[in-house]
Amino acid sequence: FLMNVISGCSFACTAAFLYKRRRSLTGAVIGLAAAW
C-alpha cells in the first residue's frame, strides 16, 4: 500500500500539478516528462 501510494502520487500528482499550471499540450508533455 505504501509503495503504491508513493509511486502513484509521485507520477499522477506531479503530472496533474504541472498540467494545472499550464493547461496545454506543452503543459501535459512537461508534466508527464517530469513525473516520469
Full PDB file with SEQRES, HELIX, SHEET, SSBOND, CRYST1, ORIGX, SCALE, CONECT and MASTER records, all heavy atoms in Angstrom:
SEQRES   1 A   36  PHE LEU MET ASN VAL ILE SER GLY CYS SER PHE ALA CYS          
SEQRES   2 A   36  THR ALA ALA PHE LEU TYR LYS ARG ARG ARG SER LEU THR          
SEQRES   3 A   36  GLY ALA VAL ILE GLY LEU ALA ALA ALA TRP                      
HELIX    1 AA1 LEU A    2  GLY A    8  1                                   7    
HELIX    2 AA2 CYS A    9  CYS A   13  3                                   5    
HELIX    3 AA3 THR A   14  ARG A   21  1                                   8    
HELIX    4 AA4 LEU A   25  ALA A   35  1                                  11    
CRYST1    1.000    1.000    1.000  90.00  90.00  90.00 P 1           1          
ORIGX1      1.000000  0.000000  0.000000        0.00000                         
ORIGX2      0.000000  1.000000  0.000000        0.00000                         
ORIGX3      0.000000  0.000000  1.000000        0.00000                         
SCALE1      1.000000  0.000000  0.000000        0.00000                         
SCALE2      0.000000  1.000000  0.000000        0.00000                         
SCALE3      0.000000  0.000000  1.000000        0.00000                         
ATOM      1  N   PHE A   1       0.834  -1.206   0.000  1.00  0.00           N  
ATOM      2  CA  PHE A   1       0.000   0.000   0.000  1.00  0.00           C  
ATOM      3  C   PHE A   1       0.863   1.249   0.000  1.00  0.00           C  
ATOM      4  O   PHE A   1       0.633   2.181  -0.785  1.00  0.00           O  
ATOM      5  CB  PHE A   1      -0.916  -0.012   1.234  1.00  0.00           C  
ATOM      6  CG  PHE A   1      -1.649   1.283   1.468  1.00  0.00           C  
ATOM      7  CD1 PHE A   1      -2.781   1.598   0.743  1.00  0.00           C  
ATOM      8  CD2 PHE A   1      -1.193   2.184   2.421  1.00  0.00           C  
ATOM      9  CE1 PHE A   1      -3.464   2.789   0.952  1.00  0.00           C  
ATOM     10  CE2 PHE A   1      -1.856   3.380   2.644  1.00  0.00           C  
ATOM     11  CZ  PHE A   1      -3.005   3.684   1.903  1.00  0.00           C  
ATOM     12  N   LEU A   2       1.875   1.276   0.867  1.00  0.00           N  
ATOM     13  CA  LEU A   2       2.759   2.432   0.956  1.00  0.00           C  
ATOM     14  C   LEU A   2       3.474   2.672  -0.370  1.00  0.00           C  
ATOM     15  O   LEU A   2       3.524   3.807  -0.871  1.00  0.00           O  
ATOM     16  CB  LEU A   2       3.776   2.215   2.072  1.00  0.00           C  
ATOM     17  CG  LEU A   2       4.858   3.290   2.235  1.00  0.00           C  
ATOM     18  CD1 LEU A   2       4.228   4.623   2.614  1.00  0.00           C  
ATOM     19  CD2 LEU A   2       5.884   2.864   3.282  1.00  0.00           C  
ATOM     20  N   MET A   3       4.008   1.623  -0.962  1.00  0.00           N  
ATOM     21  CA  MET A   3       4.742   1.774  -2.218  1.00  0.00           C  
ATOM     22  C   MET A   3       3.826   2.208  -3.355  1.00  0.00           C  
ATOM     23  O   MET A   3       4.215   3.004  -4.214  1.00  0.00           O  
ATOM     24  CB  MET A   3       5.453   0.467  -2.565  1.00  0.00           C  
ATOM     25  CG  MET A   3       6.524   0.064  -1.571  1.00  0.00           C  
ATOM     26  SD  MET A   3       7.928   1.211  -1.520  1.00  0.00           S  
ATOM     27  CE  MET A   3       8.871   0.645  -2.922  1.00  0.00           C  
ATOM     28  N   ASN A   4       2.596   1.695  -3.371  1.00  0.00           N  
ATOM     29  CA  ASN A   4       1.641   2.097  -4.404  1.00  0.00           C  
ATOM     30  C   ASN A   4       1.280   3.575  -4.282  1.00  0.00           C  
ATOM     31  O   ASN A   4       1.166   4.278  -5.283  1.00  0.00           O  
ATOM     32  CB  ASN A   4       0.371   1.244  -4.313  1.00  0.00           C  
ATOM     33  CG  ASN A   4       0.527  -0.101  -4.978  1.00  0.00           C  
ATOM     34  OD1 ASN A   4       1.187  -0.230  -6.001  1.00  0.00           O  
ATOM     35  ND2 ASN A   4      -0.076  -1.125  -4.405  1.00  0.00           N  
ATOM     36  N   VAL A   5       1.091   4.034  -3.047  1.00  0.00           N  
ATOM     37  CA  VAL A   5       0.749   5.442  -2.837  1.00  0.00           C  
ATOM     38  C   VAL A   5       1.920   6.337  -3.243  1.00  0.00           C  
ATOM     39  O   VAL A   5       1.725   7.360  -3.921  1.00  0.00           O  
ATOM     40  CB  VAL A   5       0.347   5.694  -1.368  1.00  0.00           C  
ATOM     41  CG1 VAL A   5       0.232   7.193  -1.091  1.00  0.00           C  
ATOM     42  CG2 VAL A   5      -0.978   5.002  -1.057  1.00  0.00           C  
ATOM     43  N   ILE A   6       3.122   5.965  -2.849  1.00  0.00           N  
ATOM     44  CA  ILE A   6       4.292   6.775  -3.199  1.00  0.00           C  
ATOM     45  C   ILE A   6       4.484   6.827  -4.708  1.00  0.00           C  
ATOM     46  O   ILE A   6       4.679   7.895  -5.302  1.00  0.00           O  
ATOM     47  CB  ILE A   6       5.560   6.218  -2.512  1.00  0.00           C  
ATOM     48  CG1 ILE A   6       5.460   6.398  -0.995  1.00  0.00           C  
ATOM     49  CG2 ILE A   6       6.808   6.922  -3.045  1.00  0.00           C  
ATOM     50  CD1 ILE A   6       6.567   5.717  -0.231  1.00  0.00           C  
ATOM     51  N   SER A   7       4.414   5.667  -5.348  1.00  0.00           N  
ATOM     52  CA  SER A   7       4.604   5.608  -6.793  1.00  0.00           C  
ATOM     53  C   SER A   7       3.497   6.349  -7.535  1.00  0.00           C  
ATOM     54  O   SER A   7       3.765   7.164  -8.427  1.00  0.00           O  
ATOM     55  CB  SER A   7       4.638   4.141  -7.247  1.00  0.00           C  
ATOM     56  OG  SER A   7       4.724   4.056  -8.658  1.00  0.00           O  
ATOM     57  N   GLY A   8       2.245   6.084  -7.157  1.00  0.00           N  
ATOM     58  CA  GLY A   8       1.118   6.719  -7.835  1.00  0.00           C  
ATOM     59  C   GLY A   8       1.103   8.225  -7.667  1.00  0.00           C  
ATOM     60  O   GLY A   8       0.879   8.969  -8.625  1.00  0.00           O  
ATOM     61  N   CYS A   9       1.368   8.684  -6.444  1.00  0.00           N  
ATOM     62  CA  CYS A   9       1.352  10.127  -6.190  1.00  0.00           C  
ATOM     63  C   CYS A   9       2.510  10.834  -6.887  1.00  0.00           C  
ATOM     64  O   CYS A   9       2.329  11.931  -7.425  1.00  0.00           O  
ATOM     65  CB  CYS A   9       1.394  10.396  -4.690  1.00  0.00           C  
ATOM     66  SG  CYS A   9      -0.147  10.034  -3.844  1.00  0.00           S  
ATOM     67  N   SER A  10       3.685  10.233  -6.857  1.00  0.00           N  
ATOM     68  CA  SER A  10       4.829  10.890  -7.490  1.00  0.00           C  
ATOM     69  C   SER A  10       4.610  11.052  -8.983  1.00  0.00           C  
ATOM     70  O   SER A  10       5.064  12.032  -9.582  1.00  0.00           O  
ATOM     71  CB  SER A  10       6.114  10.107  -7.209  1.00  0.00           C  
ATOM     72  OG  SER A  10       6.038   8.801  -7.737  1.00  0.00           O  
ATOM     73  N   PHE A  11       3.881  10.123  -9.602  1.00  0.00           N  
ATOM     74  CA  PHE A  11       3.607  10.243 -11.034  1.00  0.00           C  
ATOM     75  C   PHE A  11       2.366  11.091 -11.300  1.00  0.00           C  
ATOM     76  O   PHE A  11       2.432  12.149 -11.944  1.00  0.00           O  
ATOM     77  CB  PHE A  11       3.433   8.862 -11.674  1.00  0.00           C  
ATOM     78  CG  PHE A  11       3.337   8.923 -13.171  1.00  0.00           C  
ATOM     79  CD1 PHE A  11       4.480   8.911 -13.949  1.00  0.00           C  
ATOM     80  CD2 PHE A  11       2.099   9.014 -13.811  1.00  0.00           C  
ATOM     81  CE1 PHE A  11       4.407   8.983 -15.335  1.00  0.00           C  
ATOM     82  CE2 PHE A  11       2.011   9.088 -15.189  1.00  0.00           C  
ATOM     83  CZ  PHE A  11       3.162   9.079 -15.956  1.00  0.00           C  
ATOM     84  N   ALA A  12       1.218  10.652 -10.807  1.00  0.00           N  
ATOM     85  CA  ALA A  12      -0.052  11.304 -11.157  1.00  0.00           C  
ATOM     86  C   ALA A  12      -0.152  12.719 -10.600  1.00  0.00           C  
ATOM     87  O   ALA A  12      -0.583  13.640 -11.292  1.00  0.00           O  
ATOM     88  CB  ALA A  12      -1.226  10.450 -10.671  1.00  0.00           C  
ATOM     89  N   CYS A  13       0.238  12.914  -9.341  1.00  0.00           N  
ATOM     90  CA  CYS A  13       0.113  14.235  -8.725  1.00  0.00           C  
ATOM     91  C   CYS A  13       1.087  15.234  -9.349  1.00  0.00           C  
ATOM     92  O   CYS A  13       0.747  16.403  -9.542  1.00  0.00           O  
ATOM     93  CB  CYS A  13       0.328  14.148  -7.216  1.00  0.00           C  
ATOM     94  SG  CYS A  13      -0.955  13.223  -6.353  1.00  0.00           S  
ATOM     95  N   THR A  14       2.293  14.770  -9.657  1.00  0.00           N  
ATOM     96  CA  THR A  14       3.265  15.660 -10.300  1.00  0.00           C  
ATOM     97  C   THR A  14       2.774  16.104 -11.668  1.00  0.00           C  
ATOM     98  O   THR A  14       2.783  17.295 -12.005  1.00  0.00           O  
ATOM     99  CB  THR A  14       4.618  14.957 -10.435  1.00  0.00           C  
ATOM    100  OG1 THR A  14       5.111  14.606  -9.143  1.00  0.00           O  
ATOM    101  CG2 THR A  14       5.628  15.863 -11.126  1.00  0.00           C  
ATOM    102  N   ALA A  15       2.335  15.140 -12.482  1.00  0.00           N  
ATOM    103  CA  ALA A  15       1.838  15.467 -13.818  1.00  0.00           C  
ATOM    104  C   ALA A  15       0.624  16.391 -13.743  1.00  0.00           C  
ATOM    105  O   ALA A  15       0.521  17.367 -14.493  1.00  0.00           O  
ATOM    106  CB  ALA A  15       1.487  14.184 -14.569  1.00  0.00           C  
ATOM    107  N   ALA A  16      -0.304  16.092 -12.822  1.00  0.00           N  
ATOM    108  CA  ALA A  16      -1.511  16.901 -12.698  1.00  0.00           C  
ATOM    109  C   ALA A  16      -1.202  18.316 -12.213  1.00  0.00           C  
ATOM    110  O   ALA A  16      -1.814  19.293 -12.664  1.00  0.00           O  
ATOM    111  CB  ALA A  16      -2.498  16.222 -11.752  1.00  0.00           C  
ATOM    112  N   PHE A  17      -0.272  18.426 -11.281  1.00  0.00           N  
ATOM    113  CA  PHE A  17       0.094  19.744 -10.752  1.00  0.00           C  
ATOM    114  C   PHE A  17       0.666  20.641 -11.850  1.00  0.00           C  
ATOM    115  O   PHE A  17       0.274  21.804 -11.999  1.00  0.00           O  
ATOM    116  CB  PHE A  17       1.106  19.589  -9.619  1.00  0.00           C  
ATOM    117  CG  PHE A  17       1.650  20.887  -9.096  1.00  0.00           C  
ATOM    118  CD1 PHE A  17       0.893  21.680  -8.253  1.00  0.00           C  
ATOM    119  CD2 PHE A  17       2.917  21.322  -9.468  1.00  0.00           C  
ATOM    120  CE1 PHE A  17       1.392  22.892  -7.783  1.00  0.00           C  
ATOM    121  CE2 PHE A  17       3.425  22.518  -8.995  1.00  0.00           C  
ATOM    122  CZ  PHE A  17       2.655  23.315  -8.160  1.00  0.00           C  
ATOM    123  N   LEU A  18       1.596  20.104 -12.629  1.00  0.00           N  
ATOM    124  CA  LEU A  18       2.214  20.910 -13.681  1.00  0.00           C  
ATOM    125  C   LEU A  18       1.232  21.196 -14.813  1.00  0.00           C  
ATOM    126  O   LEU A  18       1.235  22.286 -15.387  1.00  0.00           O  
ATOM    127  CB  LEU A  18       3.459  20.189 -14.220  1.00  0.00           C  
ATOM    128  CG  LEU A  18       4.603  20.057 -13.216  1.00  0.00           C  
ATOM    129  CD1 LEU A  18       5.734  19.214 -13.792  1.00  0.00           C  
ATOM    130  CD2 LEU A  18       5.115  21.433 -12.802  1.00  0.00           C  
ATOM    131  N   TYR A  19       0.366  20.246 -15.121  1.00  0.00           N  
ATOM    132  CA  TYR A  19      -0.629  20.481 -16.168  1.00  0.00           C  
ATOM    133  C   TYR A  19      -1.658  21.518 -15.722  1.00  0.00           C  
ATOM    134  O   TYR A  19      -2.127  22.322 -16.533  1.00  0.00           O  
ATOM    135  CB  TYR A  19      -1.334  19.175 -16.518  1.00  0.00           C  
ATOM    136  CG  TYR A  19      -2.374  19.324 -17.600  1.00  0.00           C  
ATOM    137  CD1 TYR A  19      -2.011  19.650 -18.904  1.00  0.00           C  
ATOM    138  CD2 TYR A  19      -3.728  19.143 -17.324  1.00  0.00           C  
ATOM    139  CE1 TYR A  19      -2.965  19.796 -19.906  1.00  0.00           C  
ATOM    140  CE2 TYR A  19      -4.681  19.275 -18.317  1.00  0.00           C  
ATOM    141  CZ  TYR A  19      -4.296  19.608 -19.603  1.00  0.00           C  
ATOM    142  OH  TYR A  19      -5.238  19.762 -20.586  1.00  0.00           O  
ATOM    143  N   LYS A  20      -1.988  21.534 -14.434  1.00  0.00           N  
ATOM    144  CA  LYS A  20      -2.938  22.521 -13.921  1.00  0.00           C  
ATOM    145  C   LYS A  20      -2.393  23.935 -14.075  1.00  0.00           C  
ATOM    146  O   LYS A  20      -3.150  24.878 -14.326  1.00  0.00           O  
ATOM    147  CB  LYS A  20      -3.245  22.232 -12.443  1.00  0.00           C  
ATOM    148  CG  LYS A  20      -4.291  23.159 -11.837  1.00  0.00           C  
ATOM    149  CD  LYS A  20      -4.580  22.788 -10.394  1.00  0.00           C  
ATOM    150  CE  LYS A  20      -5.638  23.703  -9.792  1.00  0.00           C  
ATOM    151  NZ  LYS A  20      -5.915  23.345  -8.368  1.00  0.00           N  
ATOM    152  N   ARG A  21      -1.096  24.097 -13.947  1.00  0.00           N  
ATOM    153  CA  ARG A  21      -0.472  25.412 -14.078  1.00  0.00           C  
ATOM    154  C   ARG A  21      -0.396  25.864 -15.534  1.00  0.00           C  
ATOM    155  O   ARG A  21      -0.319  27.069 -15.802  1.00  0.00           O  
ATOM    156  CB  ARG A  21       0.929  25.391 -13.462  1.00  0.00           C  
ATOM    157  CG  ARG A  21       0.933  25.135 -11.962  1.00  0.00           C  
ATOM    158  CD  ARG A  21       2.347  25.044 -11.424  1.00  0.00           C  
ATOM    159  NE  ARG A  21       3.060  26.292 -11.588  1.00  0.00           N  
ATOM    160  CZ  ARG A  21       3.042  27.287 -10.699  1.00  0.00           C  
ATOM    161  NH1 ARG A  21       2.309  27.167  -9.588  1.00  0.00           N  
ATOM    162  NH2 ARG A  21       3.735  28.379 -10.901  1.00  0.00           N  
ATOM    163  N   ARG A  22      -0.411  24.899 -16.460  1.00  0.00           N  
ATOM    164  CA  ARG A  22      -0.330  25.244 -17.880  1.00  0.00           C  
ATOM    165  C   ARG A  22      -1.151  24.234 -18.670  1.00  0.00           C  
ATOM    166  O   ARG A  22      -0.649  23.206 -19.113  1.00  0.00           O  
ATOM    167  CB  ARG A  22       1.126  25.227 -18.344  1.00  0.00           C  
ATOM    168  CG  ARG A  22       1.332  25.722 -19.764  1.00  0.00           C  
ATOM    169  CD  ARG A  22       2.808  25.831 -20.085  1.00  0.00           C  
ATOM    170  NE  ARG A  22       3.030  26.350 -21.425  1.00  0.00           N  
ATOM    171  CZ  ARG A  22       4.231  26.582 -21.952  1.00  0.00           C  
ATOM    172  NH1 ARG A  22       5.311  26.337 -21.227  1.00  0.00           N  
ATOM    173  NH2 ARG A  22       4.357  27.044 -23.176  1.00  0.00           N  
ATOM    174  N   ARG A  23      -2.434  24.523 -18.804  1.00  0.00           N  
ATOM    175  CA  ARG A  23      -3.359  23.577 -19.427  1.00  0.00           C  
ATOM    176  C   ARG A  23      -3.242  23.656 -20.951  1.00  0.00           C  
ATOM    177  O   ARG A  23      -4.038  24.304 -21.632  1.00  0.00           O  
ATOM    178  CB  ARG A  23      -4.782  23.842 -18.974  1.00  0.00           C  
ATOM    179  CG  ARG A  23      -4.986  23.685 -17.469  1.00  0.00           C  
ATOM    180  CD  ARG A  23      -6.449  23.784 -17.089  1.00  0.00           C  
ATOM    181  NE  ARG A  23      -7.189  22.618 -17.557  1.00  0.00           N  
ATOM    182  CZ  ARG A  23      -7.295  21.473 -16.896  1.00  0.00           C  
ATOM    183  NH1 ARG A  23      -6.672  21.325 -15.728  1.00  0.00           N  
ATOM    184  NH2 ARG A  23      -7.999  20.477 -17.369  1.00  0.00           N  
ATOM    185  N   SER A  24      -2.230  23.002 -21.447  1.00  0.00           N  
ATOM    186  CA  SER A  24      -1.969  22.978 -22.882  1.00  0.00           C  
ATOM    187  C   SER A  24      -1.223  21.695 -23.196  1.00  0.00           C  
ATOM    188  O   SER A  24      -0.845  20.938 -22.295  1.00  0.00           O  
ATOM    189  CB  SER A  24      -1.130  24.188 -23.307  1.00  0.00           C  
ATOM    190  OG  SER A  24       0.162  24.136 -22.711  1.00  0.00           O  
ATOM    191  N   LEU A  25      -1.019  21.452 -24.482  1.00  0.00           N  
ATOM    192  CA  LEU A  25      -0.251  20.275 -24.880  1.00  0.00           C  
ATOM    193  C   LEU A  25       1.152  20.319 -24.295  1.00  0.00           C  
ATOM    194  O   LEU A  25       1.667  19.317 -23.786  1.00  0.00           O  
ATOM    195  CB  LEU A  25      -0.191  20.194 -26.401  1.00  0.00           C  
ATOM    196  CG  LEU A  25       0.636  19.048 -26.980  1.00  0.00           C  
ATOM    197  CD1 LEU A  25       0.085  17.705 -26.566  1.00  0.00           C  
ATOM    198  CD2 LEU A  25       0.705  19.161 -28.501  1.00  0.00           C  
ATOM    199  N   THR A  26       1.766  21.503 -24.338  1.00  0.00           N  
ATOM    200  CA  THR A  26       3.110  21.645 -23.775  1.00  0.00           C  
ATOM    201  C   THR A  26       3.104  21.353 -22.283  1.00  0.00           C  
ATOM    202  O   THR A  26       4.000  20.674 -21.765  1.00  0.00           O  
ATOM    203  CB  THR A  26       3.632  23.069 -24.022  1.00  0.00           C  
ATOM    204  OG1 THR A  26       3.674  23.317 -25.426  1.00  0.00           O  
ATOM    205  CG2 THR A  26       5.024  23.242 -23.430  1.00  0.00           C  
ATOM    206  N   GLY A  27       2.081  21.860 -21.590  1.00  0.00           N  
ATOM    207  CA  GLY A  27       1.981  21.604 -20.157  1.00  0.00           C  
ATOM    208  C   GLY A  27       1.821  20.125 -19.846  1.00  0.00           C  
ATOM    209  O   GLY A  27       2.398  19.614 -18.880  1.00  0.00           O  
ATOM    210  N   ALA A  28       1.046  19.423 -20.676  1.00  0.00           N  
ATOM    211  CA  ALA A  28       0.865  17.987 -20.476  1.00  0.00           C  
ATOM    212  C   ALA A  28       2.176  17.237 -20.679  1.00  0.00           C  
ATOM    213  O   ALA A  28       2.528  16.346 -19.894  1.00  0.00           O  
ATOM    214  CB  ALA A  28      -0.206  17.458 -21.432  1.00  0.00           C  
ATOM    215  N   VAL A  29       2.907  17.609 -21.721  1.00  0.00           N  
ATOM    216  CA  VAL A  29       4.185  16.950 -22.008  1.00  0.00           C  
ATOM    217  C   VAL A  29       5.179  17.203 -20.880  1.00  0.00           C  
ATOM    218  O   VAL A  29       5.853  16.282 -20.402  1.00  0.00           O  
ATOM    219  CB  VAL A  29       4.757  17.435 -23.352  1.00  0.00           C  
ATOM    220  CG1 VAL A  29       6.164  16.895 -23.568  1.00  0.00           C  
ATOM    221  CG2 VAL A  29       3.850  17.013 -24.499  1.00  0.00           C  
ATOM    222  N   ILE A  30       5.272  18.458 -20.455  1.00  0.00           N  
ATOM    223  CA  ILE A  30       6.198  18.800 -19.367  1.00  0.00           C  
ATOM    224  C   ILE A  30       5.814  18.049 -18.098  1.00  0.00           C  
ATOM    225  O   ILE A  30       6.673  17.494 -17.401  1.00  0.00           O  
ATOM    226  CB  ILE A  30       6.203  20.318 -19.120  1.00  0.00           C  
ATOM    227  CG1 ILE A  30       6.835  21.047 -20.311  1.00  0.00           C  
ATOM    228  CG2 ILE A  30       6.958  20.652 -17.831  1.00  0.00           C  
ATOM    229  CD1 ILE A  30       6.740  22.560 -20.223  1.00  0.00           C  
ATOM    230  N   GLY A  31       4.523  18.030 -17.787  1.00  0.00           N  
ATOM    231  CA  GLY A  31       4.062  17.348 -16.588  1.00  0.00           C  
ATOM    232  C   GLY A  31       4.366  15.863 -16.603  1.00  0.00           C  
ATOM    233  O   GLY A  31       4.858  15.299 -15.620  1.00  0.00           O  
ATOM    234  N   LEU A  32       4.100  15.215 -17.729  1.00  0.00           N  
ATOM    235  CA  LEU A  32       4.337  13.776 -17.826  1.00  0.00           C  
ATOM    236  C   LEU A  32       5.829  13.442 -17.821  1.00  0.00           C  
ATOM    237  O   LEU A  32       6.250  12.458 -17.206  1.00  0.00           O  
ATOM    238  CB  LEU A  32       3.675  13.225 -19.091  1.00  0.00           C  
ATOM    239  CG  LEU A  32       2.141  13.187 -19.057  1.00  0.00           C  
ATOM    240  CD1 LEU A  32       1.583  12.877 -20.436  1.00  0.00           C  
ATOM    241  CD2 LEU A  32       1.650  12.157 -18.040  1.00  0.00           C  
ATOM    242  N   ALA A  33       6.625  14.260 -18.510  1.00  0.00           N  
ATOM    243  CA  ALA A  33       8.070  14.020 -18.522  1.00  0.00           C  
ATOM    244  C   ALA A  33       8.660  14.195 -17.127  1.00  0.00           C  
ATOM    245  O   ALA A  33       9.487  13.377 -16.681  1.00  0.00           O  
ATOM    246  CB  ALA A  33       8.737  14.970 -19.512  1.00  0.00           C  
ATOM    247  N   ALA A  34       8.245  15.247 -16.431  1.00  0.00           N  
ATOM    248  CA  ALA A  34       8.732  15.481 -15.071  1.00  0.00           C  
ATOM    249  C   ALA A  34       8.287  14.353 -14.142  1.00  0.00           C  
ATOM    250  O   ALA A  34       9.062  13.877 -13.293  1.00  0.00           O  
ATOM    251  CB  ALA A  34       8.242  16.828 -14.555  1.00  0.00           C  
ATOM    252  N   ALA A  35       7.039  13.921 -14.295  1.00  0.00           N  
ATOM    253  CA  ALA A  35       6.522  12.835 -13.468  1.00  0.00           C  
ATOM    254  C   ALA A  35       7.286  11.540 -13.723  1.00  0.00           C  
ATOM    255  O   ALA A  35       7.599  10.786 -12.792  1.00  0.00           O  
ATOM    256  CB  ALA A  35       5.039  12.632 -13.753  1.00  0.00           C  
ATOM    257  N   TRP A  36       7.600  11.295 -14.988  1.00  0.00           N  
ATOM    258  CA  TRP A  36       8.365  10.105 -15.374  1.00  0.00           C  
ATOM    259  C   TRP A  36       9.717  10.080 -14.664  1.00  0.00           C  
ATOM    260  O   TRP A  36      10.087   9.086 -14.021  1.00  0.00           O  
ATOM    261  CB  TRP A  36       8.531  10.126 -16.890  1.00  0.00           C  
ATOM    262  CG  TRP A  36       9.181   8.925 -17.511  1.00  0.00           C  
ATOM    263  CD1 TRP A  36       9.622   7.799 -16.863  1.00  0.00           C  
ATOM    264  CD2 TRP A  36       9.452   8.733 -18.901  1.00  0.00           C  
ATOM    265  NE1 TRP A  36      10.147   6.910 -17.771  1.00  0.00           N  
ATOM    266  CE2 TRP A  36      10.061   7.452 -19.029  1.00  0.00           C  
ATOM    267  CE3 TRP A  36       9.252   9.495 -20.042  1.00  0.00           C  
ATOM    268  CZ2 TRP A  36      10.464   6.951 -20.258  1.00  0.00           C  
ATOM    269  CZ3 TRP A  36       9.654   8.979 -21.269  1.00  0.00           C  
ATOM    270  CH2 TRP A  36      10.239   7.732 -21.376  1.00  0.00           C  
TER     271      TRP A  36                                                      
MASTER        0    0    0    4    0    0    0    6  270    1    0    3          
END                                                                             
